[in-house]
Protein backbone atom coordinates (compact mmCIF):
# COMPACT_ATOMS: atom_id res chain seq x y z
CA MET A 1 58.06 -8.70 -5.32
CA SER A 2 55.77 -5.62 -4.43
CA GLY A 3 54.95 -5.97 -8.21
CA ASP A 4 53.93 -9.61 -7.96
CA ARG A 5 51.80 -8.71 -4.49
CA GLU A 6 49.77 -5.52 -6.29
CA GLU A 7 49.13 -7.89 -8.97
CA ASP A 8 47.73 -11.06 -6.59
CA GLY A 9 45.57 -8.26 -4.58
CA GLN A 10 44.38 -6.95 -8.34
CA ALA A 11 43.40 -10.80 -8.98
CA ASP A 12 41.62 -11.07 -5.81
CA ASN A 13 39.86 -8.51 -5.89
CA GLY A 14 38.64 -8.62 -9.36
CA THR A 15 37.24 -12.04 -8.37
CA ALA A 16 35.44 -10.67 -5.39
CA ALA A 17 33.91 -8.31 -7.42
CA GLU A 18 32.78 -11.35 -9.74
CA GLU A 19 31.40 -12.96 -6.80
CA GLU A 20 29.60 -10.00 -5.84
CA ASP A 21 27.94 -9.43 -9.11
CA ASP A 22 26.75 -13.44 -9.55
CA GLY A 23 25.81 -12.87 -6.05
CA ARG A 24 23.58 -9.94 -7.13
CA ASP A 25 22.03 -11.83 -9.95
CA ASP A 26 21.51 -14.98 -7.61
CA GLU A 27 19.79 -12.58 -5.35
CA GLN A 28 17.25 -11.38 -8.35
CA ARG A 29 16.70 -14.48 -9.70
CA ARG A 30 15.64 -16.08 -6.45
CA GLY A 31 13.56 -12.41 -5.92
CA ALA A 32 11.84 -13.22 -8.85
CA SER A 33 11.24 -17.04 -8.07
CA ALA A 34 9.97 -15.60 -4.82
CA GLY A 35 6.78 -14.25 -6.30
CA GLY A 36 8.28 -10.78 -7.20
CA PRO A 37 6.31 -7.28 -6.61
CA ASP A 38 2.68 -6.66 -7.35
CA GLY A 39 1.55 -10.38 -8.09
CA GLY A 40 2.46 -14.21 -7.92
CA TRP A 41 2.77 -15.45 -3.65
CA GLY A 42 1.78 -11.15 -3.20
CA TRP A 43 -1.78 -12.38 -3.53
CA VAL A 44 -1.58 -15.10 -0.79
CA VAL A 45 0.70 -12.61 1.67
CA LEU A 46 -2.32 -9.98 0.92
CA ALA A 47 -5.34 -12.68 2.13
CA ALA A 48 -3.02 -13.29 4.83
CA SER A 49 -2.56 -10.15 6.42
CA VAL A 50 -6.38 -9.04 5.74
CA LEU A 51 -6.65 -12.28 7.91
CA VAL A 52 -4.47 -10.88 10.72
CA LEU A 53 -5.86 -7.46 10.39
CA ALA A 54 -9.37 -9.32 11.11
CA LEU A 55 -7.94 -10.80 14.11
CA THR A 56 -5.91 -8.07 16.40
CA LEU A 57 -7.40 -5.04 15.28
CA ALA A 58 -11.34 -5.85 15.63
CA PHE A 59 -10.40 -8.01 18.67
CA PRO A 60 -11.13 -5.43 21.67
CA SER A 61 -14.46 -4.49 20.85
CA CYS A 62 -15.91 -8.01 21.35
CA VAL A 63 -14.79 -7.71 25.07
CA GLY A 64 -17.85 -5.46 25.83
CA ILE A 65 -20.02 -8.91 25.29
CA PHE A 66 -18.60 -10.31 28.64
CA TYR A 67 -18.73 -7.07 30.33
CA GLY A 68 -21.85 -8.77 32.39
CA ASP A 69 -19.73 -11.68 33.35
CA LEU A 70 -16.77 -10.33 33.87
CA GLN A 71 -18.50 -7.73 36.40
CA LYS A 72 -20.27 -10.62 38.11
CA ASP A 73 -17.47 -13.10 38.84
CA PHE A 74 -14.57 -10.27 39.83
CA HIS A 75 -17.05 -7.77 41.58
CA ALA A 76 -15.38 -5.65 39.82
CA SER A 77 -17.25 -1.81 38.17
CA ASN A 78 -17.83 -0.94 34.99
CA SER A 79 -14.43 1.70 35.63
CA GLN A 80 -12.09 -1.46 36.57
CA THR A 81 -13.99 -3.95 33.50
CA SER A 82 -13.01 -1.57 31.22
CA TRP A 83 -9.73 -1.25 31.53
CA VAL A 84 -9.39 -4.85 29.93
CA PRO A 85 -10.09 -3.65 26.39
CA SER A 86 -8.15 -0.17 27.20
CA ILE A 87 -4.60 -1.77 27.91
CA MET A 88 -5.28 -4.14 25.21
CA THR A 89 -5.55 -1.43 22.54
CA ALA A 90 -2.62 0.56 24.13
CA VAL A 91 0.07 -2.01 23.95
CA LEU A 92 -1.12 -3.09 20.52
CA HIS A 93 -0.62 0.99 19.42
CA ALA A 94 2.13 1.39 22.38
CA GLY A 95 4.41 -1.58 21.13
CA GLY A 96 5.14 -0.25 17.84
CA PRO A 97 9.21 0.50 18.97
CA VAL A 98 9.19 -2.78 20.15
CA CYS A 99 7.92 -4.31 16.88
CA SER A 100 9.59 -2.65 14.59
CA VAL A 101 13.11 -3.70 16.29
CA LEU A 102 12.08 -7.12 15.94
CA VAL A 103 11.04 -6.84 12.48
CA GLU A 104 14.53 -5.49 12.04
CA ARG A 105 16.14 -8.19 14.19
CA LEU A 106 14.03 -10.77 13.06
CA GLY A 107 11.46 -10.14 10.01
CA CYS A 108 8.46 -9.91 9.38
CA ARG A 109 7.48 -13.59 8.90
CA ALA A 110 9.30 -14.63 12.39
CA THR A 111 7.44 -11.42 14.01
CA VAL A 112 3.90 -12.30 12.83
CA MET A 113 4.50 -15.76 14.09
CA LEU A 114 5.54 -14.56 17.56
CA GLY A 115 2.49 -12.38 18.19
CA GLY A 116 -0.07 -14.89 17.48
CA VAL A 117 1.71 -17.15 19.95
CA LEU A 118 1.79 -14.69 22.31
CA SER A 119 -1.77 -13.55 21.51
CA GLY A 120 -3.05 -17.15 22.05
CA LEU A 121 -1.35 -17.63 25.34
CA GLY A 122 -2.57 -14.87 26.67
CA MET A 123 -6.14 -15.08 26.08
CA ALA A 124 -5.82 -18.88 27.16
CA ALA A 125 -4.40 -17.38 30.13
CA SER A 126 -7.18 -15.40 31.16
CA SER A 127 -9.50 -18.07 30.86
CA PHE A 128 -8.01 -18.98 34.59
CA THR A 129 -7.53 -16.34 36.23
CA ARG A 130 -8.81 -15.18 39.29
CA SER A 131 -8.90 -11.48 39.77
CA ILE A 132 -9.19 -8.72 37.48
CA GLY A 133 -5.87 -7.97 37.69
CA GLN A 134 -4.61 -10.81 36.59
CA LEU A 135 -6.48 -10.38 33.83
CA TYR A 136 -4.89 -7.37 32.74
CA VAL A 137 -2.06 -8.86 32.62
CA THR A 138 -2.95 -11.66 30.49
CA ALA A 139 -5.50 -10.42 28.21
CA GLY A 140 -4.60 -6.88 28.35
CA ILE A 141 -0.84 -6.72 28.41
CA VAL A 142 0.15 -10.35 27.00
CA THR A 143 -2.36 -10.11 24.44
CA GLY A 144 -2.34 -6.72 23.54
CA LEU A 145 1.52 -7.08 22.73
CA GLY A 146 0.40 -9.75 20.81
CA PHE A 147 -1.55 -8.16 18.55
CA CYS A 148 1.11 -5.45 18.06
CA LEU A 149 3.72 -8.08 16.76
CA SER A 150 0.90 -9.44 14.31
CA TYR A 151 -0.27 -6.70 13.02
CA GLN A 152 2.52 -3.90 12.07
CA PRO A 153 4.61 -6.62 10.13
CA ALA A 154 1.72 -8.19 8.15
CA VAL A 155 0.98 -4.13 7.21
CA THR A 156 4.85 -3.98 6.46
CA ILE A 157 5.11 -6.96 4.40
CA LEU A 158 2.67 -5.18 1.96
CA GLY A 159 5.08 -2.74 1.11
CA GLN A 160 7.75 -5.32 0.07
CA TYR A 161 5.22 -7.38 -1.93
CA PHE A 162 3.26 -4.68 -3.78
CA VAL A 163 4.87 -1.37 -5.80
CA ARG A 164 2.85 -0.36 -8.68
CA ARG A 165 -0.26 -1.58 -6.61
CA ARG A 166 0.21 -0.70 -3.16
CA ALA A 167 -2.19 1.60 -2.82
CA PHE A 168 -4.63 -1.04 -3.76
CA ALA A 169 -3.44 -4.00 -1.45
CA ASN A 170 -3.71 -1.16 1.56
CA ALA A 171 -6.79 -0.94 0.71
CA VAL A 172 -7.76 -3.99 0.73
CA SER A 173 -5.95 -5.06 3.58
CA SER A 174 -7.78 -2.58 5.35
CA THR A 175 -10.99 -4.08 4.85
CA GLY A 176 -9.77 -7.00 7.74
CA THR A 177 -10.91 -4.62 10.80
CA ALA A 178 -14.11 -4.78 9.03
CA LEU A 179 -14.39 -8.42 8.17
CA GLY A 180 -13.03 -8.89 12.18
CA LEU A 181 -16.36 -6.97 13.22
CA CYS A 182 -18.56 -8.95 11.12
CA ALA A 183 -17.39 -12.46 12.32
CA LEU A 184 -15.61 -11.75 15.51
CA PRO A 185 -18.67 -10.38 17.41
CA PRO A 186 -21.55 -13.26 16.42
CA LEU A 187 -18.54 -16.11 17.20
CA ALA A 188 -17.93 -14.55 20.57
CA ASN A 189 -21.67 -13.99 21.55
CA PHE A 190 -22.35 -17.84 20.62
CA LEU A 191 -19.33 -19.23 22.56
CA HIS A 192 -20.61 -16.69 25.30
CA GLY A 193 -23.92 -18.35 25.51
CA GLU A 194 -22.40 -22.14 24.69
CA LEU A 195 -19.57 -21.97 27.42
CA GLY A 196 -19.59 -18.95 29.38
CA TRP A 197 -17.02 -16.16 29.43
CA ARG A 198 -13.86 -18.90 30.50
CA GLY A 199 -14.85 -21.20 27.55
CA SER A 200 -15.02 -18.42 25.57
CA PHE A 201 -11.43 -17.05 26.17
CA LEU A 202 -9.87 -20.31 25.90
CA VAL A 203 -11.46 -20.86 22.17
CA LEU A 204 -10.61 -17.33 21.16
CA GLY A 205 -7.17 -17.93 22.23
CA ALA A 206 -7.08 -20.99 19.70
CA VAL A 207 -8.52 -18.79 16.89
CA LEU A 208 -5.87 -16.26 17.56
CA LEU A 209 -3.16 -19.08 17.02
CA ASN A 210 -4.01 -18.76 13.18
CA CYS A 211 -1.93 -16.23 12.99
CA CYS A 212 0.89 -18.06 13.20
CA VAL A 213 -0.43 -20.18 10.23
CA CYS A 214 -0.90 -16.66 8.48
CA GLY A 215 2.71 -15.55 9.09
CA ALA A 216 3.90 -18.94 7.95
CA VAL A 217 2.72 -18.10 4.81
CA MET A 218 4.72 -14.27 4.71
CA ARG A 219 7.57 -15.66 3.09
CA PRO A 220 10.52 -13.13 2.77
CA LEU A 221 11.69 -11.99 -0.56
CA GLU A 222 15.27 -13.26 -1.14
CA ARG A 223 16.01 -9.65 -2.64
CA GLN A 224 15.89 -8.32 0.90
CA LEU A 225 17.12 -10.94 2.50
CA ALA A 226 20.22 -12.47 1.22
CA PRO A 227 22.53 -9.43 1.93
CA SER A 228 22.50 -10.57 5.84
CA ALA A 229 22.89 -14.58 4.31
CA GLY A 230 26.43 -14.71 3.61
CA ARG A 231 27.33 -11.44 5.61
CA ARG A 232 27.43 -10.26 9.52
CA PRO A 233 25.25 -7.86 10.40
CA PRO A 234 26.96 -4.19 11.23
CA SER A 235 27.99 -3.86 15.14
CA GLY A 236 25.98 -0.49 14.98
CA SER A 237 22.78 -1.45 13.44
CA GLY A 238 20.72 -2.09 16.71
CA CYS A 239 19.70 -0.65 19.79
CA VAL A 240 21.44 -2.21 22.43
CA GLY A 241 23.12 -0.53 24.76
CA THR A 242 23.02 3.16 26.58
CA SER A 243 25.09 4.54 23.85
CA ARG A 244 22.92 4.07 21.51
CA LEU A 245 19.72 4.89 23.06
CA ALA A 246 19.56 8.11 21.67
CA SER A 247 20.07 7.09 17.61
CA CYS A 248 17.11 4.10 18.58
CA VAL A 249 14.86 6.65 19.46
CA GLY A 250 15.39 8.75 16.71
CA LYS A 251 15.47 6.06 14.22
CA HIS A 252 12.00 4.82 15.40
CA LEU A 253 10.35 7.62 16.71
CA ALA A 254 10.44 11.14 14.54
CA LEU A 255 11.24 13.36 17.31
CA ASP A 256 12.36 15.63 14.88
CA GLN A 257 8.77 15.77 12.78
CA LEU A 258 7.45 16.54 16.04
CA ARG A 259 9.77 19.59 16.56
CA HIS A 260 9.96 20.84 13.02
CA ASN A 261 7.17 20.24 11.11
CA ARG A 262 4.22 21.99 12.29
CA ARG A 263 1.18 19.93 9.87
CA TYR A 264 3.01 16.85 11.47
CA ARG A 265 2.35 18.62 15.11
CA VAL A 266 -1.07 19.30 14.76
CA TYR A 267 -2.23 16.51 12.81
CA ALA A 268 -0.66 14.35 15.71
CA VAL A 269 -1.91 16.29 18.53
CA ALA A 270 -5.89 16.26 17.04
CA ILE A 271 -5.64 12.21 16.53
CA THR A 272 -4.45 11.87 20.04
CA TRP A 273 -7.16 14.07 21.28
CA THR A 274 -9.72 12.00 18.58
CA MET A 275 -8.55 8.44 20.27
CA LEU A 276 -9.42 9.89 23.68
CA GLY A 277 -13.74 9.13 22.22
CA LEU A 278 -13.06 7.55 19.18
CA VAL A 279 -12.98 3.64 19.49
CA VAL A 280 -15.41 4.03 22.95
CA PRO A 281 -18.59 3.81 21.46
CA LEU A 282 -17.28 0.51 19.97
CA ILE A 283 -16.78 -0.43 23.87
CA TYR A 284 -19.75 -0.09 25.13
CA LEU A 285 -22.28 -0.36 22.70
CA VAL A 286 -23.05 -3.62 23.52
CA PRO A 287 -23.69 -3.28 27.03
CA PHE A 288 -25.42 -0.01 26.25
CA ALA A 289 -27.85 -2.60 23.88
CA VAL A 290 -28.52 -4.59 26.16
CA ALA A 291 -29.29 -1.63 29.53
CA LYS A 292 -32.04 -1.05 26.86
CA HIS A 293 -33.56 -4.08 26.88
CA VAL A 294 -32.44 -5.42 23.43
CA GLU A 295 -31.70 -9.33 23.29
CA ALA A 296 -28.05 -10.15 23.80
CA GLY A 297 -27.81 -11.58 20.10
CA ARG A 298 -29.55 -8.76 18.62
CA ALA A 299 -27.06 -6.48 20.16
CA ALA A 300 -23.96 -7.99 19.42
CA SER A 301 -25.54 -7.95 15.99
CA LEU A 302 -25.16 -4.22 15.82
CA LEU A 303 -21.14 -4.65 15.51
CA SER A 304 -21.60 -7.15 12.94
CA VAL A 305 -23.45 -4.30 10.81
CA LEU A 306 -20.86 -2.03 11.90
CA GLY A 307 -18.53 -4.39 10.24
CA ALA A 308 -20.80 -4.80 7.30
CA VAL A 309 -20.97 -0.95 6.41
CA ASN A 310 -17.32 -0.73 6.73
CA VAL A 311 -16.70 -3.67 4.05
CA ALA A 312 -19.25 -1.78 2.00
CA ALA A 313 -17.73 1.66 2.00
CA ARG A 314 -14.28 1.17 2.34
CA PRO A 315 -12.77 0.35 -0.71
CA PRO A 316 -15.20 3.25 -2.88
CA ALA A 317 -14.50 5.51 -0.58
CA GLY A 318 -10.67 4.91 -1.08
CA ALA A 319 -11.08 4.86 -4.92
CA LEU A 320 -13.10 8.07 -4.93
CA PHE A 321 -10.82 10.30 -2.15
CA SER A 322 -7.93 8.96 -4.54
CA LEU A 323 -9.20 11.20 -7.61
CA PRO A 324 -6.89 14.13 -8.46
CA TRP A 325 -9.30 16.43 -7.44
CA PHE A 326 -9.30 15.79 -3.66
CA ARG A 327 -5.30 15.98 -3.84
CA GLY A 328 -4.17 18.89 -0.83
CA ARG A 329 -7.59 18.03 0.28
CA HIS A 330 -7.37 15.18 1.97
CA VAL A 331 -7.50 16.78 5.30
CA TYR A 332 -10.75 18.65 4.98
CA VAL A 333 -12.29 15.67 4.20
CA PHE A 334 -10.71 13.74 7.11
CA ALA A 335 -11.73 15.91 9.06
CA GLY A 336 -15.53 16.51 8.18
CA ALA A 337 -15.56 12.80 8.32
CA LEU A 338 -14.68 13.22 11.84
CA LEU A 339 -17.48 15.74 12.49
CA LEU A 340 -20.14 13.55 11.34
CA ASN A 341 -18.60 10.64 13.57
CA GLY A 342 -18.69 12.72 16.28
CA LEU A 343 -22.28 14.02 16.02
CA SER A 344 -23.68 10.26 15.31
CA ASN A 345 -22.99 9.78 18.90
CA CYS A 346 -25.91 12.10 19.70
CA VAL A 347 -27.97 9.68 17.77
CA CYS A 348 -28.26 7.33 20.65
CA CYS A 349 -29.70 9.91 22.86
CA LEU A 350 -32.45 10.10 21.04
CA ARG A 351 -36.07 8.64 22.04
CA GLY A 352 -37.65 5.99 20.36
CA PRO A 353 -37.04 2.11 19.96
CA ALA A 354 -34.07 1.09 21.13
CA PHE A 355 -32.89 -1.29 18.47
CA PRO A 356 -34.07 0.74 15.32
CA VAL A 357 -32.14 3.67 16.74
CA LEU A 358 -29.28 1.91 17.52
CA LEU A 359 -29.01 0.18 13.81
CA ALA A 360 -29.53 4.04 12.69
CA TYR A 361 -26.37 5.16 14.67
CA VAL A 362 -24.69 2.29 13.46
CA LEU A 363 -24.99 3.18 9.79
CA LEU A 364 -24.04 6.70 10.46
CA TYR A 365 -21.30 5.56 12.33
CA GLY A 366 -19.69 3.20 10.01
CA LEU A 367 -20.07 5.26 7.14
CA SER A 368 -18.01 8.34 8.67
CA ILE A 369 -15.53 5.58 10.36
CA SER A 370 -14.73 4.42 6.85
CA VAL A 371 -13.97 7.29 5.23
CA VAL A 372 -12.04 8.20 8.48
CA GLY A 373 -10.26 4.65 8.10
CA SER A 374 -9.39 5.50 4.20
CA LEU A 375 -7.90 8.83 4.71
CA MET A 376 -6.02 8.50 8.03
CA TYR A 377 -2.58 7.23 6.78
CA THR A 378 -3.30 8.89 3.53
CA VAL A 379 -3.01 12.30 5.64
CA LEU A 380 -0.53 11.36 7.34
CA MET A 381 1.47 10.51 4.17
CA ASP A 382 0.60 14.35 2.94
CA VAL A 383 1.83 15.74 6.42
CA VAL A 384 5.17 13.94 6.32
CA ALA A 385 6.76 15.02 3.19
CA ASP A 386 9.79 12.88 3.68
CA MET A 387 8.85 9.15 2.94
CA SER A 388 11.65 7.38 4.28
CA ARG A 389 10.35 9.29 7.62
CA PHE A 390 6.95 7.86 7.40
CA ALA A 391 7.37 4.71 9.34
CA SER A 392 9.25 6.22 12.45
CA ALA A 393 6.38 9.50 12.32
CA LEU A 394 3.66 6.51 12.02
CA GLY A 395 5.43 4.81 15.61
CA LEU A 396 5.65 8.01 17.61
CA LEU A 397 1.58 8.60 16.20
CA ALA A 398 1.05 5.35 17.27
CA VAL A 399 2.84 6.08 20.87
CA MET A 400 0.82 8.95 21.71
CA GLU A 401 -2.78 8.17 20.63
CA SER A 402 -1.95 4.89 22.88
CA ALA A 403 -2.13 7.28 25.88
CA THR A 404 -5.38 8.19 25.09
CA LEU A 405 -6.57 4.75 24.20
CA LEU A 406 -5.32 3.78 27.16
CA LEU A 407 -7.28 6.39 29.32
CA GLY A 408 -10.57 6.67 27.13
CA PRO A 409 -12.76 3.71 28.86
CA PRO A 410 -11.83 3.44 31.80
CA LEU A 411 -12.98 7.22 31.94
CA ALA A 412 -16.12 6.26 30.58
CA GLY A 413 -16.61 3.66 32.47
CA ILE A 414 -16.38 6.21 35.71
CA LEU A 415 -19.30 8.07 34.09
CA VAL A 416 -21.11 5.58 33.93
CA ASP A 417 -20.61 4.21 37.32
CA SER A 418 -21.32 7.74 38.76
CA THR A 419 -24.32 8.46 36.84
CA GLY A 420 -25.95 5.07 36.05
CA GLN A 421 -26.39 6.00 31.97
CA TYR A 422 -24.38 4.80 29.20
CA SER A 423 -25.98 7.74 27.28
CA TYR A 424 -23.33 10.48 28.56
CA VAL A 425 -20.70 8.60 27.43
CA PHE A 426 -21.85 8.59 24.13
CA LEU A 427 -22.59 12.50 24.62
CA ALA A 428 -18.49 12.90 25.75
CA CYS A 429 -17.76 11.23 22.95
CA SER A 430 -19.36 13.60 20.52
CA ALA A 431 -17.79 16.62 22.61
CA VAL A 432 -14.17 14.94 22.09
CA VAL A 433 -14.57 13.93 18.36
CA THR A 434 -16.22 16.78 17.02
CA SER A 435 -13.96 19.37 18.85
CA ALA A 436 -10.65 17.49 17.57
CA ALA A 437 -12.32 17.65 14.09
CA VAL A 438 -12.80 21.62 14.44
CA PHE A 439 -9.61 21.74 15.28
CA LEU A 440 -7.85 19.90 12.88
CA ALA A 441 -9.90 21.89 10.25
CA ALA A 442 -9.28 25.34 11.78
CA ALA A 443 -5.46 24.69 12.12
CA PHE A 444 -4.87 23.17 8.51
CA TRP A 445 -7.14 26.34 6.84
CA TRP A 446 -5.30 28.79 9.04
CA MET A 447 -1.99 26.93 8.12
CA ASP A 448 -2.59 26.84 4.14
CA ALA A 449 -3.77 30.33 3.94
CA SER A 450 -0.72 31.56 5.81
CA GLU A 451 0.84 29.79 3.05
CA ARG A 452 -0.71 30.92 0.60
CA ALA A 453 -0.56 34.73 1.76
CA ALA A 454 3.25 34.12 2.24
CA THR A 455 3.93 32.90 -1.42
CA ALA A 456 1.64 35.41 -2.72
CA THR A 457 4.04 38.30 -0.97
CA GLY A 458 7.19 36.04 -2.21
CA ARG A 459 5.87 36.13 -5.64
CA THR A 460 4.85 39.90 -5.85
CA ALA A 461 8.35 40.53 -4.36
CA GLN A 462 10.12 38.72 -6.96
CA GLU A 463 8.31 40.25 -9.35
CA GLU A 464 8.85 43.86 -8.51
CA ARG A 465 13.10 42.73 -8.62
CA ARG A 466 12.25 41.12 -11.96
CA GLN A 467 10.69 44.31 -12.81
CA SER A 468 13.84 46.55 -11.22
CA ASN A 469 16.60 44.35 -13.12
CA ASP A 470 14.29 44.68 -16.55
CA GLU A 471 14.83 48.23 -15.79
CA LEU A 472 18.36 48.62 -14.72
CA ALA A 473 19.81 46.30 -17.77
CA VAL A 474 17.34 48.65 -20.53
CA VAL A 475 19.39 51.44 -18.96
CA GLU A 476 23.04 49.63 -19.00
CA SER A 477 22.58 49.24 -22.64
CA LEU A 478 21.41 52.67 -23.47
CA VAL A 479 24.64 53.73 -21.69
CA VAL A 480 26.98 51.34 -23.26
CA CYS A 481 26.13 52.03 -26.73
CA ARG A 482 27.89 55.04 -27.57
CA PRO A 483 27.57 57.28 -31.30
CA PRO A 484 30.75 56.46 -33.79
CA GLY A 485 32.41 59.51 -32.35
CA GLY A 486 32.94 57.57 -29.04
CA ALA A 487 30.70 60.21 -26.57
CA LEU A 488 27.14 60.47 -26.03
CA THR A 489 25.80 63.75 -28.04
CA SER A 490 24.21 66.62 -25.88
CA THR A 491 21.04 65.39 -27.74
CA LYS A 492 21.50 61.39 -26.83
CA GLN A 493 22.20 62.94 -23.27
CA ASP A 494 18.86 64.48 -22.67
CA ASP A 495 17.18 61.45 -24.75
CA LEU A 496 18.46 59.31 -21.92
CA CYS A 497 17.22 61.87 -19.32
């Protein structure tokens, strides 16, 4: 009887193994039919990702077009009004861990569509607000969270569809922000002139619902989803319950990199400090131009010029800095671009016709920010040696920089309220970004010099040990070699000495 049961068990195991092999073959066939990596439906997903980035990352800079109306209707100061894009941008970055959990649970497609619904409803609800505090919740928190849920999965899914062409896909998708800067400011300015800020927010909310359409075409590859179709996920895979809080934080936030990787620590501090002044000029550019008596339409066109410069400059910059000569030097090129970006803010303080001066500033700012945008994640990949920790390292960096992204615009608003001059904002941004660039370059140069010195010392010690071992081997070989008589003669002993 026991032998029969063993034979039945072996037969069941063989049947299960055959079914599992058949299941894997079916998964591979379905994965190939879904478009496969590096082509097919992946090009549609790439186009959808470009549109999602255009609608999400470029949107906060358009809020500056409505600053005047918001201050008038809500009797708000510059500092109070600037909290709206500040909260929106901060939530967009700080929501990374929440977005990561939702992607793990729901997948990229459903998460992008959920983000589209949230951002659209948030902007639509903003058109009915009656206080600046309500606008903080609707436009800041709800819309910002929707942007986060749409943007990050749209970038993540590209890594599933593109393997060999992943660098190209990332470079193309990064132009989405520049395209948004080209298209959204003229649209917002037109809507503002025709419908006012409330009607504009309602229409822009409808425009943001296009993220749902983009998410719908991001169908998952079957080879990634098939294992979960017939099996229940393990009970410990989520982050529910206080007992799993530590493992959840460790999974989605790379605290180990912050503690033990000094290059990542320096880079995270530099980027966090940079974000205090990097995006503030985009928010205050249109109000500054209007204060300089530039017509509102021409002031809004400056953002479109900035977007056009990004579209033209980012792909060549990405191709140039991927050459072998720049390998190991990315961080220094990145720091140089940051330095140029910081110094470009001083152009706004030059005397002369307002629009030509601002146009020159936009061109210089656009070229430098194109290099910064092309290399920011490349440098992070160089710093984080273990690519399996890259996603969590990026999540932690996003949370850290969200704090300064939140504080930057309100602090600039306080500066404008106290001085009555926008030029001081650009000078402050210049000081912040320039100091971060100098700190980043100096810190990495010092670490590289220390590692080179340590390597040279270790190489010298290794050569000395090798030479000592060689000499010892020669002496031992001479001692072992005895004459046929069995003992060393006095002559040979003298020779050895």
